[in-house]
PDB file of N, CA and C in Angstrom:
ATOM      1  N   UNK A   1       0.761  -1.247   0.240  1.00  0.00           N
ATOM      2  CA  UNK A   1       0.005   0.077  -0.201  1.00  0.00           C
ATOM      3  C   UNK A   1       1.062   1.804  -0.012  1.00  0.00           C
ATOM      4  N   UNK A   2       0.403   2.399  -0.995  1.00  0.00           N
ATOM      5  CA  UNK A   2       1.432   3.966  -0.807  1.00  0.00           C
ATOM      6  C   UNK A   2       0.751   4.532   0.603  1.00  0.00           C
ATOM      7  N   UNK A   3       2.411   5.394   0.299  1.00  0.00           N
ATOM      8  CA  UNK A   3       2.005   6.236   1.489  1.00  0.00           C
ATOM      9  C   UNK A   3       0.243   7.441   1.330  1.00  0.00           C
ATOM     10  N   UNK A   4      -0.275   7.397   0.032  1.00  0.00           N
ATOM     11  CA  UNK A   4      -1.232   7.659   0.284  1.00  0.00           C
ATOM     12  C   UNK A   4      -2.522   7.323   0.435  1.00  0.00           C
ATOM     13  N   UNK A   5      -2.421   6.031  -0.640  1.00  0.00           N
ATOM     14  CA  UNK A   5      -3.371   5.325   0.190  1.00  0.00           C
ATOM     15  C   UNK A   5      -3.687   5.425   1.952  1.00  0.00           C
ATOM     16  N   UNK A   6      -1.802   4.849   2.931  1.00  0.00           N
ATOM     17  CA  UNK A   6      -2.288   5.227   3.458  1.00  0.00           C
ATOM     18  C   UNK A   6      -3.283   5.747   4.714  1.00  0.00           C
ATOM     19  N   UNK A   7      -2.890   7.140   4.233  1.00  0.00           N
ATOM     20  CA  UNK A   7      -3.145   8.474   4.721  1.00  0.00           C
ATOM     21  C   UNK A   7      -4.997   8.469   4.212  1.00  0.00           C
ATOM     22  N   UNK A   8      -5.349   7.954   3.635  1.00  0.00           N
ATOM     23  CA  UNK A   8      -6.897   7.927   3.406  1.00  0.00           C
ATOM     24  C   UNK A   8      -7.384   6.257   4.035  1.00  0.00           C
ATOM     25  N   UNK A   9      -6.886   6.279   4.424  1.00  0.00           N
ATOM     26  CA  UNK A   9      -7.753   4.489   5.278  1.00  0.00           C
ATOM     27  C   UNK A   9      -7.520   5.356   6.306  1.00  0.00           C
ATOM     28  N   UNK A  10      -6.104   6.046   6.822  1.00  0.00           N
ATOM     29  CA  UNK A  10      -6.572   6.899   8.225  1.00  0.00           C
ATOM     30  C   UNK A  10      -7.272   7.406   8.362  1.00  0.00           C
ATOM     31  N   UNK A  11      -7.378   8.705   7.206  1.00  0.00           N
ATOM     32  CA  UNK A  11      -8.518   9.466   7.486  1.00  0.00           C
ATOM     33  C   UNK A  11      -9.948   9.020   7.784  1.00  0.00           C
ATOM     34  N   UNK A  12     -10.003   7.893   6.841  1.00  0.00           N
ATOM     35  CA  UNK A  12     -12.011   7.315   6.431  1.00  0.00           C
ATOM     36  C   UNK A  12     -11.969   6.493   7.866  1.00  0.00           C
ATOM     37  N   UNK A  13     -10.490   6.055   9.362  1.00  0.00           N
ATOM     38  CA  UNK A  13     -11.080   5.427  10.519  1.00  0.00           C
ATOM     39  C   UNK A  13     -11.205   6.410  11.294  1.00  0.00           C
ATOM     40  N   UNK A  14      -9.886   7.591  11.135  1.00  0.00           N
ATOM     41  CA  UNK A  14     -10.630   9.076  11.887  1.00  0.00           C
ATOM     42  C   UNK A  14     -11.830   9.502  12.222  1.00  0.00           C
ATOM     43  N   UNK A  15     -11.924   9.496  10.984  1.00  0.00           N
ATOM     44  CA  UNK A  15     -13.623   9.908  10.774  1.00  0.00           C
ATOM     45  C   UNK A  15     -14.677   9.191  11.233  1.00  0.00           C
ATOM     46  N   UNK A  16     -14.519   8.075  11.040  1.00  0.00           N
ATOM     47  CA  UNK A  16     -15.417   7.109  11.959  1.00  0.00           C
ATOM     48  C   UNK A  16     -15.587   7.319  13.014  1.00  0.00           C
ATOM     49  N   UNK A  17     -14.247   7.210  13.327  1.00  0.00           N
ATOM     50  CA  UNK A  17     -14.337   7.295  15.492  1.00  0.00           C
ATOM     51  C   UNK A  17     -14.912   8.872  16.013  1.00  0.00           C
ATOM     52  N   UNK A  18     -14.889   9.896  14.869  1.00  0.00           N
ATOM     53  CA  UNK A  18     -15.577  10.517  15.030  1.00  0.00           C
ATOM     54  C   UNK A  18     -16.733  10.613  14.854  1.00  0.00           C
ATOM     55  N   UNK A  19     -17.562  10.415  13.697  1.00  0.00           N
ATOM     56  CA  UNK A  19     -18.224   9.926  14.444  1.00  0.00           C
ATOM     57  C   UNK A  19     -19.353   9.160  14.810  1.00  0.00           C
ATOM     58  N   UNK A  20     -18.625   8.326  15.424  1.00  0.00           N
ATOM     59  CA  UNK A  20     -19.349   7.416  16.638  1.00  0.00           C
ATOM     60  C   UNK A  20     -18.806   8.050  18.106  1.00  0.00           C
ATOM     61  N   UNK A  21     -17.949   8.803  17.952  1.00  0.00           N
ATOM     62  CA  UNK A  21     -17.942  10.097  19.856  1.00  0.00           C
ATOM     63  C   UNK A  21     -18.699  10.714  19.732  1.00  0.00           C
ATOM     64  N   UNK A  22     -18.785  11.307  18.563  1.00  0.00           N
ATOM     65  CA  UNK A  22     -20.294  12.428  18.631  1.00  0.00           C
ATOM     66  C   UNK A  22     -21.605  11.991  18.271  1.00  0.00           C
ATOM     67  N   UNK A  23     -21.545  10.714  17.739  1.00  0.00           N
ATOM     68  CA  UNK A  23     -23.107   9.865  18.559  1.00  0.00           C
ATOM     69  C   UNK A  23     -23.734   9.868  19.864  1.00  0.00           C
ATOM     70  N   UNK A  24     -22.116   9.240  20.058  1.00  0.00           N
ATOM     71  CA  UNK A  24     -22.824   8.593  21.529  1.00  0.00           C
ATOM     72  C   UNK A  24     -22.384   9.965  23.033  1.00  0.00           C
ATOM     73  N   UNK A  25     -21.929  10.849  22.169  1.00  0.00           N
ATOM     74  CA  UNK A  25     -22.538  12.424  23.023  1.00  0.00           C
ATOM     75  C   UNK A  25     -23.305  13.081  22.576  1.00  0.00           C
ATOM     76  N   UNK A  26     -24.176  12.898  21.869  1.00  0.00           N
ATOM     77  CA  UNK A  26     -25.569  13.166  21.137  1.00  0.00           C
ATOM     78  C   UNK A  26     -26.584  12.475  22.391  1.00  0.00           C
ATOM     79  N   UNK A  27     -26.347  10.467  22.529  1.00  0.00           N
ATOM     80  CA  UNK A  27     -27.492   9.871  22.993  1.00  0.00           C
ATOM     81  C   UNK A  27     -26.936  10.742  24.554  1.00  0.00           C
ATOM     82  N   UNK A  28     -25.894  11.122  24.874  1.00  0.00           N
ATOM     83  CA  UNK A  28     -25.410  11.040  26.942  1.00  0.00           C
ATOM     84  C   UNK A  28     -26.487  12.770  26.904  1.00  0.00           C
ATOM     85  N   UNK A  29     -26.184  13.657  25.413  1.00  0.00           N
ATOM     86  CA  UNK A  29     -27.211  14.405  25.757  1.00  0.00           C
ATOM     87  C   UNK A  29     -28.854  14.447  25.887  1.00  0.00           C
ATOM     88  N   UNK A  30     -29.171  13.496  25.186  1.00  0.00           N
ATOM     89  CA  UNK A  30     -30.289  13.039  25.099  1.00  0.00           C
ATOM     90  C   UNK A  30     -30.982  12.418  26.460  1.00  0.00           C
ATOM     91  N   UNK A  31     -30.157  11.567  26.693  1.00  0.00           N
ATOM     92  CA  UNK A  31     -30.170  10.980  28.370  1.00  0.00           C
ATOM     93  C   UNK A  31     -30.763  12.391  29.398  1.00  0.00           C
ATOM     94  N   UNK A  32     -29.846  13.160  29.228  1.00  0.00           N
ATOM     95  CA  UNK A  32     -29.279  14.111  30.596  1.00  0.00           C
ATOM     96  C   UNK A  32     -30.884  15.439  30.153  1.00  0.00           C
ATOM     97  N   UNK A  33     -30.981  15.268  28.536  1.00  0.00           N
ATOM     98  CA  UNK A  33     -31.645  16.024  29.192  1.00  0.00           C
ATOM     99  C   UNK A  33     -33.360  15.345  29.168  1.00  0.00           C
ATOM    100  N   UNK A  34     -33.672  15.033  29.188  1.00  0.00           N
ATOM    101  CA  UNK A  34     -35.115  13.636  29.181  1.00  0.00           C
ATOM    102  C   UNK A  34     -34.762  13.244  30.814  1.00  0.00           C
ATOM    103  N   UNK A  35     -33.681  13.353  31.325  1.00  0.00           N
ATOM    104  CA  UNK A  35     -33.542  13.617  33.521  1.00  0.00           C
ATOM    105  C   UNK A  35     -34.171  14.722  34.228  1.00  0.00           C
ATOM    106  N   UNK A  36     -33.155  16.022  32.868  1.00  0.00           N
ATOM    107  CA  UNK A  36     -33.865  17.078  34.001  1.00  0.00           C
ATOM    108  C   UNK A  36     -35.290  17.207  33.664  1.00  0.00           C
ATOM    109  N   UNK A  37     -36.220  17.054  32.100  1.00  0.00           N
ATOM    110  CA  UNK A  37     -37.187  17.531  31.656  1.00  0.00           C
ATOM    111  C   UNK A  37     -38.416  16.362  32.881  1.00  0.00           C
ATOM    112  N   UNK A  38     -37.931  14.600  33.361  1.00  0.00           N
ATOM    113  CA  UNK A  38     -38.606  14.733  34.013  1.00  0.00           C
ATOM    114  C   UNK A  38     -38.831  14.703  36.163  1.00  0.00           C
ATOM    115  N   UNK A  39     -37.599  15.469  36.275  1.00  0.00           N
ATOM    116  CA  UNK A  39     -37.543  16.202  37.438  1.00  0.00           C
ATOM    117  C   UNK A  39     -38.314  17.465  37.856  1.00  0.00           C
ATOM    118  N   UNK A  40     -38.009  17.960  36.236  1.00  0.00           N
ATOM    119  CA  UNK A  40     -39.190  19.016  36.202  1.00  0.00           C
ATOM    120  C   UNK A  40     -40.430  19.267  36.084  1.00  0.00           C
ATOM    121  N   UNK A  41     -40.510  17.750  35.713  1.00  0.00           N
ATOM    122  CA  UNK A  41     -41.970  17.666  35.962  1.00  0.00           C
ATOM    123  C   UNK A  41     -42.393  17.163  37.266  1.00  0.00           C
ATOM    124  N   UNK A  42     -41.781  16.767  38.136  1.00  0.00           N
ATOM    125  CA  UNK A  42     -41.871  15.871  39.210  1.00  0.00           C
ATOM    126  C   UNK A  42     -42.396  17.553  40.409  1.00  0.00           C
ATOM    127  N   UNK A  43     -41.203  17.935  39.814  1.00  0.00           N
ATOM    128  CA  UNK A  43     -41.116  18.984  40.962  1.00  0.00           C
ATOM    129  C   UNK A  43     -42.819  19.688  40.790  1.00  0.00           C
ATOM    130  N   UNK A  44     -43.420  20.492  39.446  1.00  0.00           N
ATOM    131  CA  UNK A  44     -44.098  21.082  39.279  1.00  0.00           C
ATOM    132  C   UNK A  44     -45.627  20.399  39.575  1.00  0.00           C
ATOM    133  N   UNK A  45     -45.752  19.293  39.403  1.00  0.00           N
ATOM    134  CA  UNK A  45     -46.786  18.445  40.085  1.00  0.00           C
ATOM    135  C   UNK A  45     -46.878  17.911  41.409  1.00  0.00           C
ATOM    136  N   UNK A  46     -45.380  17.797  41.846  1.00  0.00           N
ATOM    137  CA  UNK A  46     -45.997  17.771  43.546  1.00  0.00           C
ATOM    138  C   UNK A  46     -46.247  19.283  44.154  1.00  0.00           C
ATOM    139  N   UNK A  47     -45.695  19.918  43.940  1.00  0.00           N
ATOM    140  CA  UNK A  47     -45.728  21.558  44.065  1.00  0.00           C
ATOM    141  C   UNK A  47     -47.701  21.819  44.342  1.00  0.00           C
ATOM    142  N   UNK A  48     -47.763  21.681  42.176  1.00  0.00           N
ATOM    143  CA  UNK A  48     -49.070  22.006  42.102  1.00  0.00           C
ATOM    144  C   UNK A  48     -50.479  21.547  43.477  1.00  0.00           C
ATOM    145  N   UNK A  49     -49.984  19.667  43.527  1.00  0.00           N
ATOM    146  CA  UNK A  49     -50.399  18.950  44.391  1.00  0.00           C
ATOM    147  C   UNK A  49     -50.350  19.474  45.415  1.00  0.00           C
ATOM    148  N   UNK A  50     -49.363  20.251  45.905  1.00  0.00           N
ATOM    149  CA  UNK A  50     -49.507  20.574  47.664  1.00  0.00           C
ATOM    150  C   UNK A  50     -50.830  21.577  47.570  1.00  0.00           C
ATOM    151  N   UNK A  51     -51.004  22.582  46.622  1.00  0.00           N
ATOM    152  CA  UNK A  51     -51.341  23.826  46.672  1.00  0.00           C
ATOM    153  C   UNK A  51     -53.248  23.405  46.587  1.00  0.00           C
ATOM    154  N   UNK A  52     -53.112  22.238  45.615  1.00  0.00           N
ATOM    155  CA  UNK A  52     -54.378  22.345  44.452  1.00  0.00           C
ATOM    156  C   UNK A  52     -54.968  20.674  45.859  1.00  0.00           C
ATOM    157  N   UNK A  53     -53.985  20.220  46.566  1.00  0.00           N
ATOM    158  CA  UNK A  53     -54.830  18.668  46.867  1.00  0.00           C
ATOM    159  C   UNK A  53     -54.351  18.279  47.961  1.00  0.00           C
ATOM    160  N   UNK A  54     -55.116  17.688  49.194  1.00  0.00           N
ATOM    161  CA  UNK A  54     -54.761  17.669  50.583  1.00  0.00           C
ATOM    162  C   UNK A  54     -53.432  16.896  50.798  1.00  0.00           C
ATOM    163  N   UNK A  55     -52.570  18.015  51.704  1.00  0.00           N
ATOM    164  CA  UNK A  55     -51.972  15.737  52.543  1.00  0.00           C
ATOM    165  C   UNK A  55     -52.716  14.964  53.210  1.00  0.00           C
ATOM    166  N   UNK A  56     -52.311  13.934  52.934  1.00  0.00           N
ATOM    167  CA  UNK A  56     -52.737  12.605  53.898  1.00  0.00           C
ATOM    168  C   UNK A  56     -51.385  12.887  55.231  1.00  0.00           C
ATOM    169  N   UNK A  57     -52.182  13.650  55.516  1.00  0.00           N
ATOM    170  CA  UNK A  57     -51.152  13.878  56.923  1.00  0.00           C
ATOM    171  C   UNK A  57     -50.840  11.964  58.172  1.00  0.00           C
ATOM    172  N   UNK A  58     -49.434  12.161  58.355  1.00  0.00           N
ATOM    173  CA  UNK A  58     -49.304  10.911  59.075  1.00  0.00           C
ATOM    174  C   UNK A  58     -49.181   9.616  58.416  1.00  0.00           C
ATOM    175  N   UNK A  59     -49.352   9.563  56.872  1.00  0.00           N
ATOM    176  CA  UNK A  59     -49.239   8.441  56.624  1.00  0.00           C
ATOM    177  C   UNK A  59     -48.276   9.250  55.345  1.00  0.00           C
ATOM    178  N   UNK A  60     -47.756   8.171  54.720  1.00  0.00           N
ATOM    179  CA  UNK A  60     -46.268   7.559  52.990  1.00  0.00           C
ATOM    180  C   UNK A  60     -47.254   6.697  52.780  1.00  0.00           C
ATOM    181  N   UNK A  61     -46.584   7.057  51.537  1.00  0.00           N
ATOM    182  CA  UNK A  61     -46.819   5.981  50.169  1.00  0.00           C
ATOM    183  C   UNK A  61     -45.449   4.427  50.370  1.00  0.00           C
ATOM    184  N   UNK A  62     -45.253   3.543  49.297  1.00  0.00           N
ATOM    185  CA  UNK A  62     -45.058   2.441  49.791  1.00  0.00           C
ATOM    186  C   UNK A  62     -43.201   2.349  49.654  1.00  0.00           C
ATOM    187  N   UNK A  63     -42.921   3.973  48.738  1.00  0.00           N
ATOM    188  CA  UNK A  63     -41.356   4.626  49.572  1.00  0.00           C
ATOM    189  C   UNK A  63     -41.194   5.752  50.417  1.00  0.00           C
ATOM    190  N   UNK A  64     -41.805   5.981  51.349  1.00  0.00           N
ATOM    191  CA  UNK A  64     -41.818   6.602  51.739  1.00  0.00           C
ATOM    192  C   UNK A  64     -41.954   8.665  51.232  1.00  0.00           C
ATOM    193  N   UNK A  65     -42.884   8.584  50.105  1.00  0.00           N
ATOM    194  CA  UNK A  65     -43.595   8.883  49.269  1.00  0.00           C
ATOM    195  C   UNK A  65     -44.904   9.739  49.899  1.00  0.00           C
ATOM    196  N   UNK A  66     -44.928  11.515  50.095  1.00  0.00           N
ATOM    197  CA  UNK A  66     -46.239  12.013  50.219  1.00  0.00           C
ATOM    198  C   UNK A  66     -46.788  11.329  49.791  1.00  0.00           C
ATOM    199  N   UNK A  67     -48.388  10.972  50.135  1.00  0.00           N
ATOM    200  CA  UNK A  67     -49.253  10.816  49.989  1.00  0.00           C
ATOM    201  C   UNK A  67     -50.201  12.031  49.682  1.00  0.00           C
ATOM    202  N   UNK A  68     -51.447  12.372  49.146  1.00  0.00           N
ATOM    203  CA  UNK A  68     -52.100  13.213  48.445  1.00  0.00           C
ATOM    204  C   UNK A  68     -53.489  12.809  48.688  1.00  0.00           C
ATOM    205  N   UNK A  69     -54.686  13.354  48.780  1.00  0.00           N
ATOM    206  CA  UNK A  69     -55.719  13.290  48.744  1.00  0.00           C
ATOM    207  C   UNK A  69     -56.450  14.042  47.396  1.00  0.00           C
ATOM    208  N   UNK A  70     -56.822  12.973  46.437  1.00  0.00           N
ATOM    209  CA  UNK A  70     -58.032  13.943  45.174  1.00  0.00           C
ATOM    210  C   UNK A  70     -59.181  14.708  46.489  1.00  0.00           C
ATOM    211  N   UNK A  71     -60.371  15.611  45.480  1.00  0.00           N
ATOM    212  CA  UNK A  71     -61.779  15.459  46.229  1.00  0.00           C
ATOM    213  C   UNK A  71     -62.190  14.709  46.287  1.00  0.00           C
ATOM    214  N   UNK A  72     -62.153  13.260  45.614  1.00  0.00           N
ATOM    215  CA  UNK A  72     -62.974  12.190  45.517  1.00  0.00           C
ATOM    216  C   UNK A  72     -62.085  11.414  46.083  1.00  0.00           C
ATOM    217  N   UNK A  73     -61.554  11.782  47.098  1.00  0.00           N
ATOM    218  CA  UNK A  73     -60.799  10.887  48.312  1.00  0.00           C
ATOM    219  C   UNK A  73     -59.866   9.845  47.795  1.00  0.00           C
ATOM    220  N   UNK A  74     -59.316  10.098  46.689  1.00  0.00           N
ATOM    221  CA  UNK A  74     -58.327   9.261  46.430  1.00  0.00           C
ATOM    222  C   UNK A  74     -57.045   9.491  46.488  1.00  0.00           C
ATOM    223  N   UNK A  75     -55.835   8.743  46.816  1.00  0.00           N
ATOM    224  CA  UNK A  75     -54.708   8.712  47.738  1.00  0.00           C
ATOM    225  C   UNK A  75     -53.861   8.438  46.479  1.00  0.00           C
ATOM    226  N   UNK A  76     -53.426   9.472  45.954  1.00  0.00           N
ATOM    227  CA  UNK A  76     -51.719   9.381  44.896  1.00  0.00           C
ATOM    228  C   UNK A  76     -50.608   9.557  45.332  1.00  0.00           C
ATOM    229  N   UNK A  77     -49.677   8.833  44.687  1.00  0.00           N
ATOM    230  CA  UNK A  77     -47.992   9.950  45.156  1.00  0.00           C
ATOM    231  C   UNK A  77     -47.788  10.439  43.412  1.00  0.00           C
ATOM    232  N   UNK A  78     -47.162  10.862  43.211  1.00  0.00           N
ATOM    233  CA  UNK A  78     -46.109  11.526  42.050  1.00  0.00           C
ATOM    234  C   UNK A  78     -44.803  10.839  41.889  1.00  0.00           C
ATOM    235  N   UNK A  79     -44.898  10.134  40.818  1.00  0.00           N
ATOM    236  CA  UNK A  79     -43.387   9.231  40.800  1.00  0.00           C
ATOM    237  C   UNK A  79     -42.526   9.983  40.041  1.00  0.00           C
ATOM    238  N   UNK A  80     -41.413   9.862  39.493  1.00  0.00           N
ATOM    239  CA  UNK A  80     -39.959  10.665  39.423  1.00  0.00           C
ATOM    240  C   UNK A  80     -40.757  10.858  38.208  1.00  0.00           C
ATOM    241  N   UNK A  81     -41.204  10.530  37.046  1.00  0.00           N
ATOM    242  CA  UNK A  81     -41.722  11.465  36.354  1.00  0.00           C
ATOM    243  C   UNK A  81     -42.632  11.733  35.867  1.00  0.00           C
ATOM    244  N   UNK A  82     -43.445  12.767  37.164  1.00  0.00           N
ATOM    245  CA  UNK A  82     -44.226  13.710  37.230  1.00  0.00           C
ATOM    246  C   UNK A  82     -45.575  13.116  37.274  1.00  0.00           C
ATOM    247  N   UNK A  83     -45.688  12.354  37.652  1.00  0.00           N
ATOM    248  CA  UNK A  83     -47.332  11.390  37.066  1.00  0.00           C
ATOM    249  C   UNK A  83     -47.607  11.064  38.201  1.00  0.00           C
ATOM    250  N   UNK A  84     -48.690  10.789  38.892  1.00  0.00           N
ATOM    251  CA  UNK A  84     -49.650  10.527  39.558  1.00  0.00           C
ATOM    252  C   UNK A  84     -49.875   8.970  39.307  1.00  0.00           C
ATOM    253  N   UNK A  85     -49.364   8.674  40.468  1.00  0.00           N
ATOM    254  CA  UNK A  85     -49.874   7.313  40.612  1.00  0.00           C
ATOM    255  C   UNK A  85     -50.752   6.790  41.741  1.00  0.00           C
ATOM    256  N   UNK A  86     -52.226   6.572  41.608  1.00  0.00           N
ATOM    257  CA  UNK A  86     -52.985   6.096  42.254  1.00  0.00           C
ATOM    258  C   UNK A  86     -52.996   4.855  43.387  1.00  0.00           C
ATOM    259  N   UNK A  87     -53.199   4.538  44.607  1.00  0.00           N
ATOM    260  CA  UNK A  87     -52.644   3.566  45.421  1.00  0.00           C
ATOM    261  C   UNK A  87     -53.660   3.155  46.347  1.00  0.00           C
ATOM    262  N   UNK A  88     -53.951   1.798  46.385  1.00  0.00           N
ATOM    263  CA  UNK A  88     -54.470   0.950  47.093  1.00  0.00           C
ATOM    264  C   UNK A  88     -54.332   1.392  49.033  1.00  0.00           C
ATOM    265  N   UNK A  89     -55.174   0.764  49.371  1.00  0.00           N
ATOM    266  CA  UNK A  89     -54.990   1.122  50.590  1.00  0.00           C
ATOM    267  C   UNK A  89     -54.423   0.154  51.305  1.00  0.00           C
ATOM    268  N   UNK A  90     -53.630  -0.675  50.857  1.00  0.00           N
ATOM    269  CA  UNK A  90     -52.706  -1.607  51.158  1.00  0.00           C
ATOM    270  C   UNK A  90     -51.386  -0.886  50.862  1.00  0.00           C
ATOM    271  N   UNK A  91     -51.102   0.159  50.303  1.00  0.00           N
ATOM    272  CA  UNK A  91     -49.914   0.581  50.180  1.00  0.00           C
ATOM    273  C   UNK A  91     -50.013   1.657  50.508  1.00  0.00           C
ATOM    274  N   UNK A  92     -50.700   2.412  51.471  1.00  0.00           N
ATOM    275  CA  UNK A  92     -50.513   3.807  52.517  1.00  0.00           C
ATOM    276  C   UNK A  92     -50.098   2.848  54.080  1.00  0.00           C
ATOM    277  N   UNK A  93     -48.788   3.801  54.182  1.00  0.00           N
ATOM    278  CA  UNK A  93     -48.832   3.121  56.286  1.00  0.00           C
ATOM    279  C   UNK A  93     -48.772   3.900  56.448  1.00  0.00           C
ATOM    280  N   UNK A  94     -48.265   3.756  58.041  1.00  0.00           N
ATOM    281  CA  UNK A  94     -47.775   5.339  58.675  1.00  0.00           C
ATOM    282  C   UNK A  94     -46.461   6.244  58.609  1.00  0.00           C
ATOM    283  N   UNK A  95     -46.454   6.760  58.496  1.00  0.00           N
ATOM    284  CA  UNK A  95     -45.206   8.066  58.449  1.00  0.00           C
ATOM    285  C   UNK A  95     -44.204   7.228  59.355  1.00  0.00           C
ATOM    286  N   UNK A  96     -42.668   6.878  59.264  1.00  0.00           N
ATOM    287  CA  UNK A  96     -42.231   6.670  60.164  1.00  0.00           C
ATOM    288  C   UNK A  96     -41.247   7.294  60.879  1.00  0.00           C
ATOM    289  N   UNK A  97     -41.129   7.620  62.310  1.00  0.00           N
ATOM    290  CA  UNK A  97     -40.205   9.014  62.406  1.00  0.00           C
ATOM    291  C   UNK A  97     -39.060   9.236  62.612  1.00  0.00           C
TER     292      UNK A  97
END
């Protein structure tokens, strides 16, 4: 192989490596953006729920979450994506001190 061909192969390999690296970084950015968006939604829903719903005092969800009560007397928690998760009575327990 001539020096010119070696240069072409090297440039092609370098270009493919750079392309793969940029793709991986873009995926990392998408993942981070999704995490930030989920956290923002979670905080917004929890804030709105605290204002507009009753907090079930002395009780907590399956993993220590704050439990809210709707006007229809349904109990729910807010998950890490900002969505309401309605609970069965067996999933609610007294707060641990």
